[in-house]
Amino acid sequence: MPRHRLLLILLGISFLVVGLIEPFTSRPGDLHSPVSLLHIAAIAVLIYMWCKADAAARNTTPRRGAALFAALFPPLGIPFYLFQSRPWKRALLGVGVAIVLLMLFAVLGVVGSAISEQLRSA
């Protein structure tokens, strides 16, 4: 399996795992639990690694800083990276895929939380 796809799978797994763990570590009144803060950092690292692996797999060199921008501010950075590394039609398709993946990752987080709630109430 190509490295860039493996990194996307790891990103999805991270949402499921955090969904499983966070209900046990969150404290009422706190904006973020310690697990969610670690997850934010892990997301940034995985996105940065994905950009680098994707560029290597496509044999492209996007604009300098595109991967870092994607990692630090994904809502704008990922589309920016995609338009830097692909022709515009493929970049638009990539943005659509990124939106679908975002929804899938959110569902994985909710599934993990639901499983945790079932375990807590049992």
N, C-alpha and C. Protein backbone atom coordinates (compact mmCIF):
# COMPACT_ATOMS: atom_id res chain seq x y z
N MET A 1 0.85 -1.18 0.00
CA MET A 1 0.00 0.00 0.00
C MET A 1 0.89 1.24 0.00
N PRO A 2 0.57 2.23 -0.83
CA PRO A 2 1.38 3.45 -0.86
C PRO A 2 1.34 4.18 0.49
N ARG A 3 2.43 4.82 0.81
CA ARG A 3 2.57 5.48 2.11
C ARG A 3 1.51 6.56 2.31
N HIS A 4 1.19 7.33 1.27
CA HIS A 4 0.23 8.41 1.45
C HIS A 4 -1.17 7.86 1.79
N ARG A 5 -1.52 6.70 1.27
CA ARG A 5 -2.81 6.09 1.62
C ARG A 5 -2.78 5.53 3.04
N LEU A 6 -1.67 4.94 3.42
CA LEU A 6 -1.53 4.42 4.78
C LEU A 6 -1.68 5.55 5.80
N LEU A 7 -1.11 6.72 5.50
CA LEU A 7 -1.22 7.86 6.41
C LEU A 7 -2.68 8.32 6.55
N LEU A 8 -3.45 8.28 5.48
CA LEU A 8 -4.87 8.64 5.57
C LEU A 8 -5.62 7.62 6.42
N ILE A 9 -5.28 6.36 6.31
CA ILE A 9 -5.91 5.33 7.14
C ILE A 9 -5.56 5.57 8.61
N LEU A 10 -4.30 5.89 8.88
CA LEU A 10 -3.89 6.20 10.26
C LEU A 10 -4.63 7.41 10.80
N LEU A 11 -4.86 8.40 9.96
CA LEU A 11 -5.61 9.58 10.38
C LEU A 11 -7.03 9.19 10.76
N GLY A 12 -7.67 8.35 9.96
CA GLY A 12 -9.01 7.88 10.30
C GLY A 12 -9.03 7.07 11.58
N ILE A 13 -8.06 6.20 11.75
CA ILE A 13 -7.98 5.40 12.97
C ILE A 13 -7.80 6.29 14.20
N SER A 14 -7.05 7.38 14.03
CA SER A 14 -6.83 8.29 15.17
C SER A 14 -8.15 8.88 15.65
N PHE A 15 -9.07 9.20 14.73
CA PHE A 15 -10.37 9.74 15.13
C PHE A 15 -11.18 8.70 15.89
N LEU A 16 -11.14 7.46 15.44
CA LEU A 16 -11.86 6.39 16.13
C LEU A 16 -11.29 6.18 17.53
N VAL A 17 -9.97 6.13 17.64
CA VAL A 17 -9.32 5.89 18.93
C VAL A 17 -9.60 7.04 19.90
N VAL A 18 -9.51 8.27 19.42
CA VAL A 18 -9.79 9.41 20.30
C VAL A 18 -11.26 9.41 20.71
N GLY A 19 -12.14 9.02 19.80
CA GLY A 19 -13.55 8.90 20.16
C GLY A 19 -13.76 7.88 21.26
N LEU A 20 -12.97 6.81 21.24
CA LEU A 20 -13.07 5.78 22.28
C LEU A 20 -12.52 6.26 23.62
N ILE A 21 -11.43 7.02 23.59
CA ILE A 21 -10.71 7.39 24.81
C ILE A 21 -11.23 8.67 25.45
N GLU A 22 -11.59 9.65 24.65
CA GLU A 22 -11.91 10.97 25.19
C GLU A 22 -13.03 11.01 26.22
N PRO A 23 -14.10 10.25 26.07
CA PRO A 23 -15.13 10.32 27.12
C PRO A 23 -14.62 9.94 28.51
N PHE A 24 -13.55 9.17 28.56
CA PHE A 24 -12.99 8.77 29.85
C PHE A 24 -12.01 9.80 30.41
N THR A 25 -11.55 10.74 29.57
CA THR A 25 -10.52 11.69 30.00
C THR A 25 -11.01 13.13 30.05
N SER A 26 -12.18 13.42 29.50
CA SER A 26 -12.65 14.81 29.48
C SER A 26 -13.17 15.20 30.86
N ARG A 27 -13.03 16.51 31.12
CA ARG A 27 -13.52 17.06 32.38
C ARG A 27 -14.56 18.12 32.08
N PRO A 28 -15.67 18.14 32.80
CA PRO A 28 -16.70 19.15 32.56
C PRO A 28 -16.12 20.56 32.70
N GLY A 29 -16.46 21.43 31.77
CA GLY A 29 -16.01 22.82 31.83
C GLY A 29 -14.73 23.08 31.05
N ASP A 30 -13.96 22.05 30.74
CA ASP A 30 -12.74 22.24 29.96
C ASP A 30 -13.07 22.28 28.48
N LEU A 31 -12.42 23.20 27.77
CA LEU A 31 -12.64 23.32 26.33
C LEU A 31 -12.09 22.10 25.60
N HIS A 32 -10.88 21.68 25.99
CA HIS A 32 -10.24 20.51 25.36
C HIS A 32 -9.70 19.60 26.45
N SER A 33 -9.84 18.31 26.21
CA SER A 33 -9.23 17.35 27.12
C SER A 33 -7.76 17.17 26.71
N PRO A 34 -6.93 16.62 27.58
CA PRO A 34 -5.54 16.37 27.20
C PRO A 34 -5.43 15.48 25.96
N VAL A 35 -6.34 14.52 25.81
CA VAL A 35 -6.32 13.63 24.65
C VAL A 35 -6.62 14.41 23.38
N SER A 36 -7.57 15.33 23.44
CA SER A 36 -7.91 16.09 22.24
C SER A 36 -6.76 17.02 21.84
N LEU A 37 -6.03 17.56 22.80
CA LEU A 37 -4.87 18.39 22.47
C LEU A 37 -3.78 17.57 21.79
N LEU A 38 -3.56 16.35 22.28
CA LEU A 38 -2.60 15.47 21.62
C LEU A 38 -3.08 15.09 20.22
N HIS A 39 -4.38 14.90 20.07
CA HIS A 39 -4.94 14.54 18.77
C HIS A 39 -4.77 15.69 17.77
N ILE A 40 -4.94 16.91 18.21
CA ILE A 40 -4.74 18.06 17.33
C ILE A 40 -3.30 18.06 16.80
N ALA A 41 -2.34 17.81 17.68
CA ALA A 41 -0.94 17.76 17.26
C ALA A 41 -0.71 16.57 16.31
N ALA A 42 -1.31 15.43 16.61
CA ALA A 42 -1.14 14.25 15.77
C ALA A 42 -1.74 14.48 14.38
N ILE A 43 -2.88 15.15 14.33
CA ILE A 43 -3.50 15.47 13.03
C ILE A 43 -2.55 16.32 12.20
N ALA A 44 -1.97 17.33 12.82
CA ALA A 44 -1.05 18.21 12.09
C ALA A 44 0.14 17.43 11.54
N VAL A 45 0.71 16.56 12.36
CA VAL A 45 1.86 15.77 11.92
C VAL A 45 1.47 14.82 10.79
N LEU A 46 0.34 14.15 10.94
CA LEU A 46 -0.10 13.20 9.90
C LEU A 46 -0.43 13.91 8.59
N ILE A 47 -1.03 15.09 8.65
CA ILE A 47 -1.32 15.84 7.43
C ILE A 47 -0.02 16.27 6.75
N TYR A 48 0.93 16.75 7.54
CA TYR A 48 2.22 17.15 6.97
C TYR A 48 2.91 15.96 6.30
N MET A 49 2.92 14.82 7.00
CA MET A 49 3.54 13.62 6.43
C MET A 49 2.81 13.16 5.17
N TRP A 50 1.47 13.28 5.17
CA TRP A 50 0.70 12.90 4.00
C TRP A 50 1.06 13.79 2.80
N CYS A 51 1.15 15.08 3.03
CA CYS A 51 1.50 15.99 1.93
C CYS A 51 2.85 15.62 1.33
N LYS A 52 3.82 15.37 2.18
CA LYS A 52 5.16 15.00 1.69
C LYS A 52 5.12 13.66 0.94
N ALA A 53 4.41 12.67 1.49
CA ALA A 53 4.32 11.36 0.84
C ALA A 53 3.53 11.45 -0.47
N ASP A 54 2.48 12.25 -0.49
CA ASP A 54 1.68 12.43 -1.70
C ASP A 54 2.50 13.10 -2.80
N ALA A 55 3.24 14.12 -2.44
CA ALA A 55 4.09 14.80 -3.43
C ALA A 55 5.14 13.85 -3.99
N ALA A 56 5.72 13.02 -3.12
CA ALA A 56 6.73 12.05 -3.58
C ALA A 56 6.09 11.01 -4.50
N ALA A 57 4.88 10.56 -4.17
CA ALA A 57 4.20 9.56 -4.99
C ALA A 57 3.82 10.12 -6.36
N ARG A 58 3.51 11.41 -6.40
CA ARG A 58 3.13 12.05 -7.66
C ARG A 58 4.32 12.65 -8.40
N ASN A 59 5.48 12.60 -7.75
CA ASN A 59 6.69 13.17 -8.32
C ASN A 59 6.51 14.65 -8.66
N THR A 60 5.91 15.37 -7.72
CA THR A 60 5.69 16.81 -7.88
C THR A 60 6.38 17.56 -6.76
N THR A 61 6.56 18.85 -6.99
CA THR A 61 7.13 19.72 -5.97
C THR A 61 6.18 20.91 -5.80
N PRO A 62 5.26 20.82 -4.82
CA PRO A 62 4.37 21.96 -4.60
C PRO A 62 5.14 23.16 -4.05
N ARG A 63 4.49 24.29 -4.03
CA ARG A 63 5.11 25.51 -3.53
C ARG A 63 5.66 25.29 -2.12
N ARG A 64 6.79 25.90 -1.86
CA ARG A 64 7.41 25.78 -0.54
C ARG A 64 6.46 26.23 0.55
N GLY A 65 6.33 25.45 1.58
CA GLY A 65 5.46 25.78 2.69
C GLY A 65 4.04 25.28 2.54
N ALA A 66 3.69 24.70 1.39
CA ALA A 66 2.32 24.22 1.18
C ALA A 66 1.97 23.11 2.17
N ALA A 67 2.88 22.19 2.41
CA ALA A 67 2.62 21.09 3.34
C ALA A 67 2.48 21.62 4.77
N LEU A 68 3.30 22.58 5.14
CA LEU A 68 3.22 23.16 6.48
C LEU A 68 1.91 23.92 6.65
N PHE A 69 1.51 24.67 5.64
CA PHE A 69 0.24 25.39 5.68
C PHE A 69 -0.91 24.41 5.82
N ALA A 70 -0.87 23.30 5.08
CA ALA A 70 -1.92 22.28 5.17
C ALA A 70 -1.98 21.69 6.58
N ALA A 71 -0.83 21.49 7.19
CA ALA A 71 -0.79 20.89 8.53
C ALA A 71 -1.28 21.86 9.61
N LEU A 72 -0.92 23.13 9.48
CA LEU A 72 -1.25 24.09 10.53
C LEU A 72 -2.64 24.68 10.39
N PHE A 73 -3.16 24.77 9.18
CA PHE A 73 -4.50 25.33 8.97
C PHE A 73 -5.21 24.54 7.86
N PRO A 74 -5.63 23.30 8.19
CA PRO A 74 -6.17 22.40 7.17
C PRO A 74 -7.34 22.92 6.33
N PRO A 75 -8.29 23.70 6.87
CA PRO A 75 -9.41 24.11 6.02
C PRO A 75 -9.00 24.89 4.76
N LEU A 76 -7.96 25.69 4.87
CA LEU A 76 -7.44 26.40 3.70
C LEU A 76 -6.19 25.74 3.14
N GLY A 77 -5.39 25.16 4.01
CA GLY A 77 -4.11 24.61 3.60
C GLY A 77 -4.20 23.37 2.72
N ILE A 78 -5.16 22.51 2.99
CA ILE A 78 -5.28 21.29 2.17
C ILE A 78 -5.71 21.64 0.75
N PRO A 79 -6.75 22.47 0.55
CA PRO A 79 -7.05 22.87 -0.83
C PRO A 79 -5.87 23.59 -1.50
N PHE A 80 -5.18 24.44 -0.76
CA PHE A 80 -4.01 25.12 -1.32
C PHE A 80 -2.97 24.11 -1.78
N TYR A 81 -2.68 23.12 -0.92
CA TYR A 81 -1.73 22.08 -1.29
C TYR A 81 -2.19 21.33 -2.54
N LEU A 82 -3.47 20.96 -2.57
CA LEU A 82 -3.99 20.20 -3.70
C LEU A 82 -3.87 20.99 -5.01
N PHE A 83 -4.16 22.28 -4.96
CA PHE A 83 -4.03 23.09 -6.18
C PHE A 83 -2.58 23.35 -6.55
N GLN A 84 -1.67 23.21 -5.61
CA GLN A 84 -0.25 23.35 -5.90
C GLN A 84 0.35 22.07 -6.47
N SER A 85 -0.27 20.94 -6.19
CA SER A 85 0.34 19.66 -6.55
C SER A 85 -0.37 18.92 -7.69
N ARG A 86 -1.48 19.48 -8.18
CA ARG A 86 -2.26 18.79 -9.20
C ARG A 86 -2.79 19.79 -10.23
N PRO A 87 -3.16 19.30 -11.41
CA PRO A 87 -3.91 20.15 -12.34
C PRO A 87 -5.25 20.54 -11.69
N TRP A 88 -5.84 21.64 -12.11
CA TRP A 88 -6.99 22.18 -11.39
C TRP A 88 -8.18 21.23 -11.34
N LYS A 89 -8.42 20.43 -12.38
CA LYS A 89 -9.56 19.50 -12.34
C LYS A 89 -9.33 18.41 -11.29
N ARG A 90 -8.12 17.90 -11.25
CA ARG A 90 -7.80 16.88 -10.23
C ARG A 90 -7.77 17.49 -8.84
N ALA A 91 -7.36 18.75 -8.74
CA ALA A 91 -7.37 19.43 -7.45
C ALA A 91 -8.80 19.59 -6.94
N LEU A 92 -9.73 19.95 -7.81
CA LEU A 92 -11.13 20.07 -7.40
C LEU A 92 -11.67 18.72 -6.94
N LEU A 93 -11.33 17.67 -7.66
CA LEU A 93 -11.73 16.33 -7.24
C LEU A 93 -11.11 16.00 -5.88
N GLY A 94 -9.86 16.37 -5.70
CA GLY A 94 -9.18 16.14 -4.42
C GLY A 94 -9.84 16.88 -3.27
N VAL A 95 -10.31 18.10 -3.52
CA VAL A 95 -11.02 18.85 -2.48
C VAL A 95 -12.30 18.12 -2.11
N GLY A 96 -13.01 17.60 -3.12
CA GLY A 96 -14.22 16.82 -2.84
C GLY A 96 -13.92 15.58 -2.01
N VAL A 97 -12.86 14.89 -2.37
CA VAL A 97 -12.45 13.69 -1.61
C VAL A 97 -12.08 14.09 -0.19
N ALA A 98 -11.40 15.21 -0.02
CA ALA A 98 -11.01 15.68 1.32
C ALA A 98 -12.25 15.97 2.17
N ILE A 99 -13.28 16.54 1.57
CA ILE A 99 -14.52 16.82 2.31
C ILE A 99 -15.18 15.51 2.73
N VAL A 100 -15.22 14.54 1.82
CA VAL A 100 -15.80 13.23 2.15
C VAL A 100 -15.00 12.57 3.27
N LEU A 101 -13.68 12.64 3.19
CA LEU A 101 -12.85 12.06 4.25
C LEU A 101 -13.08 12.75 5.59
N LEU A 102 -13.23 14.07 5.57
CA LEU A 102 -13.51 14.80 6.80
C LEU A 102 -14.81 14.30 7.43
N MET A 103 -15.84 14.12 6.61
CA MET A 103 -17.11 13.60 7.14
C MET A 103 -16.94 12.17 7.68
N LEU A 104 -16.18 11.35 6.96
CA LEU A 104 -15.93 9.98 7.42
C LEU A 104 -15.18 9.98 8.75
N PHE A 105 -14.18 10.84 8.88
CA PHE A 105 -13.42 10.92 10.12
C PHE A 105 -14.32 11.38 11.28
N ALA A 106 -15.23 12.31 11.01
CA ALA A 106 -16.16 12.75 12.04
C ALA A 106 -17.06 11.60 12.48
N VAL A 107 -17.54 10.82 11.51
CA VAL A 107 -18.38 9.66 11.82
C VAL A 107 -17.59 8.66 12.66
N LEU A 108 -16.33 8.42 12.31
CA LEU A 108 -15.50 7.50 13.10
C LEU A 108 -15.35 7.99 14.54
N GLY A 109 -15.18 9.29 14.73
CA GLY A 109 -15.10 9.85 16.08
C GLY A 109 -16.39 9.65 16.86
N VAL A 110 -17.52 9.85 16.21
CA VAL A 110 -18.82 9.67 16.85
C VAL A 110 -19.05 8.19 17.18
N VAL A 111 -18.66 7.31 16.27
CA VAL A 111 -18.79 5.87 16.52
C VAL A 111 -17.94 5.48 17.74
N GLY A 112 -16.72 5.99 17.80
CA GLY A 112 -15.87 5.70 18.95
C GLY A 112 -16.48 6.21 20.24
N SER A 113 -17.06 7.41 20.22
CA SER A 113 -17.70 7.96 21.41
C SER A 113 -18.92 7.13 21.81
N ALA A 114 -19.70 6.69 20.82
CA ALA A 114 -20.87 5.88 21.11
C ALA A 114 -20.48 4.55 21.76
N ILE A 115 -19.41 3.95 21.25
CA ILE A 115 -18.93 2.70 21.85
C ILE A 115 -18.49 2.94 23.28
N SER A 116 -17.78 4.04 23.53
CA SER A 116 -17.34 4.36 24.89
C SER A 116 -18.51 4.59 25.82
N GLU A 117 -19.52 5.28 25.35
CA GLU A 117 -20.70 5.52 26.19
C GLU A 117 -21.40 4.21 26.52
N GLN A 118 -21.44 3.29 25.57
CA GLN A 118 -22.03 1.99 25.85
C GLN A 118 -21.22 1.22 26.88
N LEU A 119 -19.89 1.33 26.79
CA LEU A 119 -19.03 0.66 27.76
C LEU A 119 -19.18 1.29 29.15
N ARG A 120 -19.33 2.60 29.20
CA ARG A 120 -19.46 3.29 30.50
C ARG A 120 -20.77 2.96 31.17
N SER A 121 -21.83 2.82 30.38
CA SER A 121 -23.15 2.57 30.98
C SER A 121 -23.38 1.08 31.29
N ALA A 122 -22.51 0.23 30.80
CA ALA A 122 -22.69 -1.20 31.04
C ALA A 122 -22.23 -1.62 32.42
